[in-house]
C-alpha cells in the first residue's frame, strides 16, 4: 500500500508540474506569435462564426498553411483571407469560382453555410493561407481564453497555487509521518 501511495504522489506531482509547464509554454508561445501560434509551419486560428459549418464548427481551431503563390488556387479550395472592409479580420471560406482579370486572378468565395457568395472578390494579395482540413472542435474557445489577459493570468496563477498547495500538503504529510515514527516505541 505504501508503494502505491508513493507512486500516486509522484504521478500527481508530475501531472501538476507538467500542467504548469504546458500552460506557461502556451501563454508564452501565443504571446510571442502575436496572437496566432504556429505549429510545424501552420498557423493555428480560432473559428469565430458558423459560416463554414458543418465542416468547420464555431469555436474550433484550424490549421492554415501559408502559401507562396496565391494565384494557383482552384474551385473548391478553402482559403483564409483578409476581409476587404477590415484587413485585421480574417475569413476562411471556400472558392466557388476563379476569374481571370487582366493579368491577375480573383477568387469568388462563399461560406459553406451561407446562402450567398461573399460581396467582394478576393485578390491574391489578401490571401493569408490555405485550410488543410485539420480542425479540432471547441479548442478554439480555450485558445481565445488563453490569449486574453485574464486567461493568461488564470493559466499561470491556478497551476502555481495548485503547486504551492500540493507542496504544503506534502510537507505536512512528511512531518506527520516523522512524528508518528518518533512516537512508535522501538523494541
N, C-alpha and C. Protein backbone atom coordinates (compact mmCIF):
# COMPACT_ATOMS: atom_id res chain seq x y z
N UNK A 1 0.82 -1.20 0.00
CA UNK A 1 0.00 0.00 0.00
C UNK A 1 0.86 1.27 0.00
N UNK A 2 1.99 1.21 0.73
CA UNK A 2 2.89 2.37 0.77
C UNK A 2 3.48 2.64 -0.61
N UNK A 3 3.80 1.58 -1.33
CA UNK A 3 4.35 1.74 -2.68
C UNK A 3 3.34 2.41 -3.59
N UNK A 4 2.08 2.00 -3.48
CA UNK A 4 1.02 2.61 -4.29
C UNK A 4 0.89 4.09 -3.98
N UNK A 5 0.88 4.46 -2.70
CA UNK A 5 0.78 5.87 -2.32
C UNK A 5 1.96 6.67 -2.83
N UNK A 6 3.15 6.06 -2.75
CA UNK A 6 4.35 6.74 -3.21
C UNK A 6 4.25 7.03 -4.71
N UNK A 7 3.81 6.02 -5.48
CA UNK A 7 3.68 6.22 -6.93
C UNK A 7 2.56 7.20 -7.25
N UNK A 8 1.44 7.14 -6.51
CA UNK A 8 0.34 8.08 -6.73
C UNK A 8 0.79 9.51 -6.47
N UNK A 9 1.59 9.71 -5.43
CA UNK A 9 2.12 11.04 -5.14
C UNK A 9 3.05 11.53 -6.24
N UNK A 10 3.90 10.66 -6.72
CA UNK A 10 4.83 11.04 -7.79
C UNK A 10 4.06 11.40 -9.06
N UNK A 11 3.08 10.57 -9.41
CA UNK A 11 2.29 10.83 -10.63
C UNK A 11 1.52 12.14 -10.50
N UNK A 12 0.94 12.38 -9.32
CA UNK A 12 0.21 13.64 -9.09
C UNK A 12 1.14 14.84 -9.23
N UNK A 13 2.31 14.74 -8.67
CA UNK A 13 3.29 15.83 -8.78
C UNK A 13 3.69 16.07 -10.22
N UNK A 14 3.95 15.01 -10.96
CA UNK A 14 4.33 15.13 -12.36
C UNK A 14 3.21 15.79 -13.16
N UNK A 15 1.97 15.39 -12.91
CA UNK A 15 0.83 15.98 -13.62
C UNK A 15 0.70 17.47 -13.31
N UNK A 16 0.80 17.84 -12.05
CA UNK A 16 0.66 19.25 -11.67
C UNK A 16 1.78 20.09 -12.26
N UNK A 17 3.02 19.62 -12.13
CA UNK A 17 4.15 20.38 -12.70
C UNK A 17 4.08 20.41 -14.23
N UNK A 18 3.67 19.30 -14.83
CA UNK A 18 3.53 19.24 -16.29
C UNK A 18 2.47 20.21 -16.77
N UNK A 19 1.36 20.29 -16.04
CA UNK A 19 0.29 21.23 -16.38
C UNK A 19 0.80 22.67 -16.33
N UNK A 20 1.53 23.00 -15.30
CA UNK A 20 2.08 24.35 -15.19
C UNK A 20 3.03 24.65 -16.35
N UNK A 21 3.92 23.72 -16.66
CA UNK A 21 4.88 23.93 -17.75
C UNK A 21 4.15 24.09 -19.08
N UNK A 22 3.13 23.26 -19.34
CA UNK A 22 2.36 23.37 -20.59
C UNK A 22 1.65 24.71 -20.68
N UNK A 23 1.06 25.15 -19.58
CA UNK A 23 0.34 26.42 -19.60
C UNK A 23 1.30 27.59 -19.83
N UNK A 24 2.45 27.54 -19.18
CA UNK A 24 3.45 28.59 -19.40
C UNK A 24 3.87 28.61 -20.87
N UNK A 25 4.12 27.42 -21.44
CA UNK A 25 4.50 27.33 -22.84
C UNK A 25 3.42 27.88 -23.75
N UNK A 26 2.15 27.51 -23.52
CA UNK A 26 1.04 28.01 -24.36
C UNK A 26 0.91 29.52 -24.28
N UNK A 27 0.99 30.06 -23.08
CA UNK A 27 0.84 31.50 -22.91
C UNK A 27 1.99 32.24 -23.60
N UNK A 28 3.20 31.80 -23.36
CA UNK A 28 4.37 32.49 -23.94
C UNK A 28 4.38 32.35 -25.46
N UNK A 29 4.10 31.16 -25.99
CA UNK A 29 4.15 30.97 -27.45
C UNK A 29 3.06 31.77 -28.15
N UNK A 30 1.87 31.85 -27.55
CA UNK A 30 0.82 32.63 -28.20
C UNK A 30 1.12 34.12 -28.14
N UNK A 31 1.75 34.58 -27.06
CA UNK A 31 2.12 35.99 -26.97
C UNK A 31 3.26 36.33 -27.94
N UNK A 32 4.24 35.43 -28.06
CA UNK A 32 5.37 35.67 -28.97
C UNK A 32 4.93 35.64 -30.42
N UNK A 33 3.93 34.83 -30.74
CA UNK A 33 3.46 34.72 -32.12
C UNK A 33 2.54 35.86 -32.50
N UNK A 34 2.25 36.74 -31.58
CA UNK A 34 1.39 37.87 -31.88
C UNK A 34 -0.07 37.46 -31.97
N UNK A 35 -0.45 36.44 -31.27
CA UNK A 35 -1.85 36.04 -31.24
C UNK A 35 -2.17 34.83 -32.09
N UNK A 36 -1.33 34.47 -33.04
CA UNK A 36 -1.58 33.27 -33.85
C UNK A 36 -0.40 32.32 -33.72
N UNK A 37 -0.54 31.34 -32.83
CA UNK A 37 0.56 30.39 -32.64
C UNK A 37 0.83 29.59 -33.91
N UNK A 38 2.07 29.19 -34.09
CA UNK A 38 2.46 28.39 -35.24
C UNK A 38 2.95 27.03 -34.76
N UNK A 39 2.48 25.98 -35.43
CA UNK A 39 2.88 24.62 -35.11
C UNK A 39 3.25 23.94 -36.42
N UNK A 40 4.50 23.48 -36.52
CA UNK A 40 5.00 22.81 -37.72
C UNK A 40 4.73 23.62 -39.00
N UNK A 41 4.91 24.93 -38.91
CA UNK A 41 4.76 25.80 -40.08
C UNK A 41 3.34 26.18 -40.41
N UNK A 42 2.37 25.73 -39.64
CA UNK A 42 0.97 26.07 -39.86
C UNK A 42 0.52 27.05 -38.78
N UNK A 43 -0.28 28.05 -39.19
CA UNK A 43 -0.84 28.97 -38.21
C UNK A 43 -2.10 28.35 -37.64
N UNK A 44 -2.25 28.42 -36.33
CA UNK A 44 -3.43 27.90 -35.66
C UNK A 44 -4.37 29.06 -35.41
N UNK A 45 -5.59 28.94 -35.92
CA UNK A 45 -6.57 30.02 -35.80
C UNK A 45 -7.86 29.50 -35.21
N UNK A 46 -8.59 30.41 -34.58
CA UNK A 46 -9.87 30.08 -33.97
C UNK A 46 -11.00 30.49 -34.89
N UNK A 47 -11.98 29.61 -35.05
CA UNK A 47 -13.15 29.89 -35.88
C UNK A 47 -14.19 30.61 -35.02
N UNK A 48 -14.58 31.80 -35.45
CA UNK A 48 -15.48 32.63 -34.64
C UNK A 48 -16.92 32.65 -35.14
N UNK A 49 -17.18 32.12 -36.34
CA UNK A 49 -18.55 32.14 -36.85
C UNK A 49 -18.91 30.77 -37.42
N UNK A 50 -20.18 30.61 -37.74
CA UNK A 50 -20.66 29.33 -38.26
C UNK A 50 -20.78 29.30 -39.77
N UNK A 51 -20.07 30.18 -40.47
CA UNK A 51 -20.22 30.26 -41.92
C UNK A 51 -19.72 29.02 -42.66
N UNK A 52 -18.88 28.23 -42.04
CA UNK A 52 -18.35 27.02 -42.71
C UNK A 52 -18.89 25.73 -42.08
N UNK A 53 -19.91 25.84 -41.24
CA UNK A 53 -20.48 24.63 -40.64
C UNK A 53 -21.23 23.85 -41.73
N UNK A 54 -21.36 22.56 -41.63
CA UNK A 54 -20.99 21.71 -40.50
C UNK A 54 -19.55 21.23 -40.55
N UNK A 55 -18.82 21.50 -41.64
CA UNK A 55 -17.45 21.02 -41.76
C UNK A 55 -16.50 21.61 -40.74
N UNK A 56 -16.62 22.91 -40.49
CA UNK A 56 -15.78 23.60 -39.51
C UNK A 56 -16.72 24.27 -38.52
N UNK A 57 -16.73 23.77 -37.31
CA UNK A 57 -17.65 24.26 -36.27
C UNK A 57 -17.13 25.53 -35.61
N UNK A 58 -18.08 26.37 -35.17
CA UNK A 58 -17.73 27.56 -34.40
C UNK A 58 -17.01 27.14 -33.12
N UNK A 59 -15.94 27.85 -32.79
CA UNK A 59 -15.17 27.53 -31.58
C UNK A 59 -14.08 26.50 -31.81
N UNK A 60 -13.93 26.03 -33.04
CA UNK A 60 -12.87 25.07 -33.36
C UNK A 60 -11.56 25.80 -33.61
N UNK A 61 -10.47 25.04 -33.60
CA UNK A 61 -9.22 25.60 -34.11
C UNK A 61 -8.96 24.91 -35.44
N UNK A 62 -8.35 25.66 -36.35
CA UNK A 62 -7.99 25.11 -37.65
C UNK A 62 -6.53 25.45 -37.94
N UNK A 63 -5.93 24.64 -38.79
CA UNK A 63 -4.54 24.89 -39.20
C UNK A 63 -4.56 25.49 -40.60
N UNK A 64 -3.87 26.60 -40.75
CA UNK A 64 -3.76 27.30 -42.03
C UNK A 64 -2.32 27.24 -42.51
N UNK A 65 -2.13 26.75 -43.72
CA UNK A 65 -0.79 26.66 -44.29
C UNK A 65 -0.51 27.93 -45.11
N UNK A 66 0.49 28.70 -44.71
CA UNK A 66 0.85 29.88 -45.51
C UNK A 66 1.25 29.46 -46.93
N UNK A 67 0.92 30.29 -47.91
CA UNK A 67 1.20 29.95 -49.30
C UNK A 67 2.21 30.91 -49.91
N UNK A 68 3.02 30.39 -50.81
CA UNK A 68 3.99 31.21 -51.52
C UNK A 68 3.39 31.83 -52.76
N UNK A 69 2.57 31.06 -53.48
CA UNK A 69 1.97 31.55 -54.72
C UNK A 69 0.45 31.52 -54.60
N UNK A 70 -0.17 32.66 -54.25
CA UNK A 70 -1.61 32.69 -54.04
C UNK A 70 -2.43 32.78 -55.34
N UNK A 71 -1.81 32.50 -56.47
CA UNK A 71 -2.54 32.57 -57.74
C UNK A 71 -2.89 31.20 -58.30
N UNK A 72 -2.57 30.14 -57.58
CA UNK A 72 -2.78 28.78 -58.10
C UNK A 72 -3.93 28.03 -57.45
N UNK A 73 -4.83 28.71 -56.80
CA UNK A 73 -5.96 28.02 -56.18
C UNK A 73 -7.00 27.68 -57.23
N UNK A 74 -7.81 26.69 -56.92
CA UNK A 74 -8.86 26.28 -57.85
C UNK A 74 -10.20 26.22 -57.11
N UNK A 75 -11.25 26.07 -57.87
CA UNK A 75 -12.60 25.96 -57.32
C UNK A 75 -12.65 24.79 -56.34
N UNK A 76 -13.22 25.05 -55.16
CA UNK A 76 -13.33 24.02 -54.13
C UNK A 76 -12.30 24.15 -53.02
N UNK A 77 -11.20 24.86 -53.25
CA UNK A 77 -10.19 25.08 -52.21
C UNK A 77 -10.76 25.99 -51.12
N UNK A 78 -10.32 25.76 -49.89
CA UNK A 78 -10.74 26.61 -48.77
C UNK A 78 -9.54 27.47 -48.38
N UNK A 79 -9.75 28.79 -48.42
CA UNK A 79 -8.66 29.73 -48.15
C UNK A 79 -9.02 30.65 -46.98
N UNK A 80 -7.99 31.19 -46.38
CA UNK A 80 -8.16 32.22 -45.35
C UNK A 80 -7.62 33.51 -45.93
N UNK A 81 -8.43 34.56 -45.84
CA UNK A 81 -8.06 35.84 -46.45
C UNK A 81 -8.49 37.00 -45.58
N UNK A 82 -7.88 38.16 -45.86
CA UNK A 82 -8.22 39.39 -45.15
C UNK A 82 -9.52 39.94 -45.72
N UNK A 83 -10.42 40.36 -44.83
CA UNK A 83 -11.68 40.95 -45.28
C UNK A 83 -11.41 42.26 -46.00
N UNK A 84 -12.19 42.54 -47.05
CA UNK A 84 -11.97 43.75 -47.85
C UNK A 84 -12.25 45.02 -47.05
N UNK A 85 -13.18 44.95 -46.10
CA UNK A 85 -13.53 46.14 -45.32
C UNK A 85 -12.71 46.31 -44.04
N UNK A 86 -12.02 45.23 -43.61
CA UNK A 86 -11.21 45.29 -42.39
C UNK A 86 -10.03 44.33 -42.52
N UNK A 87 -8.83 44.83 -42.86
CA UNK A 87 -7.68 43.94 -43.07
C UNK A 87 -7.22 43.18 -41.83
N UNK A 88 -7.72 43.57 -40.64
CA UNK A 88 -7.38 42.85 -39.42
C UNK A 88 -8.31 41.65 -39.18
N UNK A 89 -9.36 41.56 -39.96
CA UNK A 89 -10.33 40.47 -39.83
C UNK A 89 -10.01 39.40 -40.87
N UNK A 90 -9.89 38.15 -40.41
CA UNK A 90 -9.61 37.04 -41.31
C UNK A 90 -10.86 36.20 -41.52
N UNK A 91 -11.05 35.73 -42.75
CA UNK A 91 -12.21 34.93 -43.12
C UNK A 91 -11.71 33.64 -43.78
N UNK A 92 -12.32 32.53 -43.43
CA UNK A 92 -12.00 31.25 -44.07
C UNK A 92 -13.24 30.79 -44.81
N UNK A 93 -13.19 30.81 -46.15
CA UNK A 93 -14.32 30.40 -46.99
C UNK A 93 -13.81 29.58 -48.17
N UNK A 94 -14.76 28.93 -48.83
CA UNK A 94 -14.46 28.09 -49.99
C UNK A 94 -14.52 28.91 -51.28
N UNK A 95 -13.60 28.62 -52.19
CA UNK A 95 -13.60 29.25 -53.52
C UNK A 95 -14.68 28.58 -54.35
N UNK A 96 -15.62 29.40 -54.86
CA UNK A 96 -16.69 28.84 -55.70
C UNK A 96 -16.49 29.18 -57.18
N UNK A 97 -15.58 30.12 -57.45
CA UNK A 97 -15.28 30.47 -58.85
C UNK A 97 -13.94 31.19 -58.92
N UNK A 98 -13.23 30.96 -60.01
CA UNK A 98 -11.95 31.62 -60.25
C UNK A 98 -12.12 32.47 -61.50
N UNK A 99 -11.80 33.76 -61.40
CA UNK A 99 -11.96 34.68 -62.52
C UNK A 99 -10.61 35.27 -62.90
N UNK A 100 -10.32 35.28 -64.20
CA UNK A 100 -9.11 35.93 -64.71
C UNK A 100 -9.48 37.37 -65.04
N UNK A 101 -8.74 38.31 -64.44
CA UNK A 101 -8.96 39.73 -64.69
C UNK A 101 -7.62 40.32 -65.12
N UNK A 102 -7.54 40.72 -66.38
CA UNK A 102 -6.30 41.22 -66.97
C UNK A 102 -5.20 40.17 -66.77
N UNK A 103 -4.14 40.53 -66.07
CA UNK A 103 -3.03 39.59 -65.88
C UNK A 103 -3.04 38.94 -64.49
N UNK A 104 -4.14 39.12 -63.79
CA UNK A 104 -4.21 38.55 -62.43
C UNK A 104 -5.46 37.68 -62.30
N UNK A 105 -5.63 37.17 -61.11
CA UNK A 105 -6.75 36.28 -60.83
C UNK A 105 -7.52 36.80 -59.62
N UNK A 106 -8.82 36.55 -59.59
CA UNK A 106 -9.66 36.88 -58.45
C UNK A 106 -10.48 35.66 -58.09
N UNK A 107 -10.73 35.52 -56.80
CA UNK A 107 -11.48 34.36 -56.33
C UNK A 107 -12.83 34.82 -55.78
N UNK A 108 -13.87 34.12 -56.18
CA UNK A 108 -15.20 34.34 -55.64
C UNK A 108 -15.37 33.29 -54.54
N UNK A 109 -15.69 33.75 -53.34
CA UNK A 109 -15.75 32.85 -52.19
C UNK A 109 -17.13 32.85 -51.56
N UNK A 110 -17.37 31.80 -50.77
CA UNK A 110 -18.65 31.67 -50.07
C UNK A 110 -18.45 30.72 -48.90
N UNK A 111 -19.07 31.04 -47.79
CA UNK A 111 -19.08 30.12 -46.66
C UNK A 111 -20.02 28.96 -46.96
N UNK A 112 -19.65 27.74 -46.60
CA UNK A 112 -20.48 26.57 -46.89
C UNK A 112 -21.89 26.69 -46.31
N UNK A 113 -22.01 27.39 -45.19
CA UNK A 113 -23.30 27.53 -44.51
C UNK A 113 -24.02 28.82 -44.89
N UNK A 114 -23.44 29.63 -45.77
CA UNK A 114 -24.05 30.89 -46.19
C UNK A 114 -24.91 30.67 -47.43
N UNK A 115 -25.95 31.50 -47.56
CA UNK A 115 -26.83 31.41 -48.73
C UNK A 115 -26.26 32.13 -49.95
N UNK A 116 -25.49 33.18 -49.72
CA UNK A 116 -24.98 34.00 -50.81
C UNK A 116 -23.46 34.01 -50.81
N UNK A 117 -22.90 34.31 -51.98
CA UNK A 117 -21.44 34.44 -52.08
C UNK A 117 -21.00 35.70 -51.33
N UNK A 118 -19.70 35.77 -51.07
CA UNK A 118 -19.15 36.95 -50.40
C UNK A 118 -19.28 38.16 -51.32
N UNK A 119 -19.48 39.36 -50.74
CA UNK A 119 -19.75 40.55 -51.55
C UNK A 119 -18.58 41.00 -52.43
N UNK A 120 -17.36 40.74 -52.03
CA UNK A 120 -16.20 41.22 -52.79
C UNK A 120 -15.33 40.05 -53.22
N UNK A 121 -14.81 40.09 -54.46
CA UNK A 121 -13.85 39.06 -54.86
C UNK A 121 -12.56 39.19 -54.04
N UNK A 122 -11.84 38.09 -53.92
CA UNK A 122 -10.61 38.07 -53.14
C UNK A 122 -9.43 38.06 -54.10
N UNK A 123 -8.55 39.05 -53.95
CA UNK A 123 -7.33 39.10 -54.75
C UNK A 123 -6.21 38.31 -54.10
N UNK A 124 -5.21 37.93 -54.88
CA UNK A 124 -4.09 37.15 -54.32
C UNK A 124 -3.38 37.84 -53.16
N UNK A 125 -3.34 39.16 -53.15
CA UNK A 125 -2.67 39.90 -52.08
C UNK A 125 -3.38 39.83 -50.74
N UNK A 126 -4.64 39.44 -50.74
CA UNK A 126 -5.41 39.34 -49.50
C UNK A 126 -5.35 37.96 -48.87
N UNK A 127 -4.82 36.99 -49.57
CA UNK A 127 -4.83 35.61 -49.09
C UNK A 127 -3.71 35.39 -48.06
N UNK A 128 -4.10 34.82 -46.93
CA UNK A 128 -3.16 34.54 -45.84
C UNK A 128 -2.66 33.11 -45.94
N UNK A 129 -3.55 32.18 -46.27
CA UNK A 129 -3.16 30.78 -46.35
C UNK A 129 -4.29 29.89 -46.79
N UNK A 130 -3.99 28.60 -46.81
CA UNK A 130 -4.98 27.60 -47.24
C UNK A 130 -5.29 26.67 -46.08
N UNK A 131 -6.58 26.41 -45.91
CA UNK A 131 -7.04 25.46 -44.88
C UNK A 131 -6.73 24.06 -45.39
N UNK A 132 -6.07 23.26 -44.54
CA UNK A 132 -5.64 21.94 -44.98
C UNK A 132 -6.49 20.79 -44.45
N UNK A 133 -7.63 21.10 -43.83
CA UNK A 133 -8.53 20.06 -43.35
C UNK A 133 -8.35 19.70 -41.89
N UNK A 134 -7.34 20.26 -41.21
CA UNK A 134 -7.11 19.95 -39.80
C UNK A 134 -7.95 20.87 -38.93
N UNK A 135 -8.82 20.29 -38.14
CA UNK A 135 -9.66 21.05 -37.21
C UNK A 135 -9.86 20.25 -35.93
N UNK A 136 -9.91 20.96 -34.81
CA UNK A 136 -10.23 20.35 -33.53
C UNK A 136 -11.37 21.16 -32.93
N UNK A 137 -12.56 20.54 -32.80
CA UNK A 137 -13.72 21.28 -32.28
C UNK A 137 -13.52 21.76 -30.85
N UNK A 138 -14.08 22.93 -30.54
CA UNK A 138 -14.16 23.54 -29.21
C UNK A 138 -12.84 24.02 -28.62
N UNK A 139 -11.71 23.61 -29.14
CA UNK A 139 -10.43 24.03 -28.56
C UNK A 139 -10.18 25.52 -28.82
N UNK A 140 -10.79 26.06 -29.84
CA UNK A 140 -10.63 27.48 -30.14
C UNK A 140 -11.11 28.38 -29.03
N UNK A 141 -12.16 27.95 -28.35
CA UNK A 141 -12.65 28.75 -27.21
C UNK A 141 -11.59 28.80 -26.12
N UNK A 142 -10.95 27.67 -25.86
CA UNK A 142 -9.87 27.63 -24.87
C UNK A 142 -8.69 28.49 -25.33
N UNK A 143 -8.32 28.41 -26.62
CA UNK A 143 -7.21 29.20 -27.14
C UNK A 143 -7.50 30.70 -27.04
N UNK A 144 -8.74 31.09 -27.33
CA UNK A 144 -9.10 32.51 -27.20
C UNK A 144 -8.97 32.96 -25.75
N UNK A 145 -9.38 32.09 -24.83
CA UNK A 145 -9.25 32.41 -23.40
C UNK A 145 -7.79 32.53 -23.01
N UNK A 146 -6.96 31.62 -23.49
CA UNK A 146 -5.53 31.64 -23.17
C UNK A 146 -4.88 32.93 -23.67
N UNK A 147 -5.31 33.40 -24.85
CA UNK A 147 -4.69 34.58 -25.44
C UNK A 147 -5.16 35.88 -24.79
N UNK A 148 -6.24 35.81 -24.01
CA UNK A 148 -6.70 37.02 -23.31
C UNK A 148 -5.83 37.25 -22.08
N UNK A 149 -5.83 38.48 -21.59
CA UNK A 149 -5.05 38.80 -20.38
C UNK A 149 -5.57 38.00 -19.18
N UNK A 150 -6.88 37.92 -19.06
CA UNK A 150 -7.48 37.16 -17.95
C UNK A 150 -7.07 35.70 -18.03
N UNK A 151 -7.13 35.13 -19.22
CA UNK A 151 -6.75 33.72 -19.40
C UNK A 151 -5.30 33.47 -19.05
N UNK A 152 -4.43 34.37 -19.48
CA UNK A 152 -3.00 34.22 -19.18
C UNK A 152 -2.77 34.25 -17.67
N UNK A 153 -3.46 35.14 -16.99
CA UNK A 153 -3.31 35.24 -15.53
C UNK A 153 -3.80 33.96 -14.87
N UNK A 154 -5.01 33.52 -15.23
CA UNK A 154 -5.56 32.30 -14.62
C UNK A 154 -4.71 31.08 -14.91
N UNK A 155 -4.22 30.97 -16.14
CA UNK A 155 -3.48 29.77 -16.51
C UNK A 155 -2.07 29.74 -15.93
N UNK A 156 -1.61 30.85 -15.42
CA UNK A 156 -0.33 30.84 -14.70
C UNK A 156 -0.55 30.76 -13.19
N UNK A 157 -1.56 31.45 -12.68
CA UNK A 157 -1.79 31.50 -11.24
C UNK A 157 -2.39 30.21 -10.71
N UNK A 158 -3.41 29.67 -11.39
CA UNK A 158 -4.08 28.47 -10.88
C UNK A 158 -3.12 27.29 -10.75
N UNK A 159 -2.36 26.93 -11.79
CA UNK A 159 -1.41 25.83 -11.58
C UNK A 159 -0.35 26.17 -10.53
N UNK A 160 0.05 27.44 -10.43
CA UNK A 160 1.02 27.84 -9.41
C UNK A 160 0.47 27.65 -8.01
N UNK A 161 -0.78 28.04 -7.80
CA UNK A 161 -1.42 27.86 -6.50
C UNK A 161 -1.56 26.37 -6.20
N UNK A 162 -1.94 25.57 -7.21
CA UNK A 162 -2.04 24.12 -7.02
C UNK A 162 -0.69 23.53 -6.60
N UNK A 163 0.38 24.01 -7.22
CA UNK A 163 1.72 23.53 -6.86
C UNK A 163 2.06 23.87 -5.41
N UNK A 164 1.77 25.09 -5.00
CA UNK A 164 2.05 25.51 -3.63
C UNK A 164 1.23 24.67 -2.65
N UNK A 165 -0.06 24.50 -2.93
CA UNK A 165 -0.91 23.70 -2.05
C UNK A 165 -0.43 22.25 -1.98
N UNK A 166 -0.05 21.69 -3.11
CA UNK A 166 0.46 20.32 -3.13
C UNK A 166 1.76 20.22 -2.32
N UNK A 167 2.61 21.22 -2.43
CA UNK A 167 3.87 21.22 -1.66
C UNK A 167 3.59 21.31 -0.17
N UNK A 168 2.66 22.19 0.24
CA UNK A 168 2.31 22.32 1.64
C UNK A 168 1.74 21.00 2.16
N UNK A 169 0.86 20.38 1.38
CA UNK A 169 0.29 19.09 1.77
C UNK A 169 1.37 18.03 1.91
N UNK A 170 2.31 17.99 0.97
CA UNK A 170 3.40 17.00 1.02
C UNK A 170 4.29 17.22 2.24
N UNK A 171 4.60 18.46 2.55
CA UNK A 171 5.42 18.77 3.73
C UNK A 171 4.68 18.38 5.01
N UNK A 172 3.39 18.74 5.08
CA UNK A 172 2.59 18.38 6.26
C UNK A 172 2.55 16.87 6.45
N UNK A 173 2.35 16.13 5.36
CA UNK A 173 2.28 14.67 5.43
C UNK A 173 3.62 14.10 5.89
N UNK A 174 4.73 14.63 5.38
CA UNK A 174 6.05 14.14 5.78
C UNK A 174 6.31 14.41 7.26
N UNK A 175 5.90 15.58 7.75
CA UNK A 175 6.10 15.91 9.17
C UNK A 175 5.27 14.98 10.05
N UNK A 176 4.03 14.73 9.68
CA UNK A 176 3.19 13.83 10.50
C UNK A 176 3.74 12.41 10.48
N UNK A 177 4.31 11.98 9.37
CA UNK A 177 4.90 10.64 9.31
C UNK A 177 6.14 10.57 10.20
N UNK A 178 6.94 11.63 10.21
CA UNK A 178 8.14 11.65 11.07
C UNK A 178 7.74 11.65 12.54
N UNK A 179 6.69 12.41 12.90
CA UNK A 179 6.23 12.46 14.28
C UNK A 179 5.67 11.11 14.71
N UNK A 180 4.97 10.42 13.83
CA UNK A 180 4.41 9.13 14.19
C UNK A 180 5.52 8.09 14.37
N UNK A 181 6.61 8.21 13.63
CA UNK A 181 7.75 7.29 13.80
C UNK A 181 8.44 7.54 15.13
N UNK A 182 8.51 8.85 15.56
CA UNK A 182 9.14 9.16 16.85
C UNK A 182 8.33 8.60 18.01
N UNK A 183 7.00 8.61 17.88
CA UNK A 183 6.13 8.17 18.94
C UNK A 183 6.07 6.64 19.05
N UNK A 184 6.40 5.95 17.97
CA UNK A 184 6.34 4.48 17.99
C UNK A 184 7.53 3.95 18.77
N UNK A 185 7.25 3.17 19.89
CA UNK A 185 8.36 2.63 20.68
C UNK A 185 9.11 1.55 19.91
N UNK A 186 10.39 1.57 20.05
CA UNK A 186 11.25 0.57 19.41
C UNK A 186 11.49 -0.54 20.40
N UNK A 187 11.28 -1.73 20.01
CA UNK A 187 11.62 -2.71 20.97
C UNK A 187 10.97 -3.96 20.80
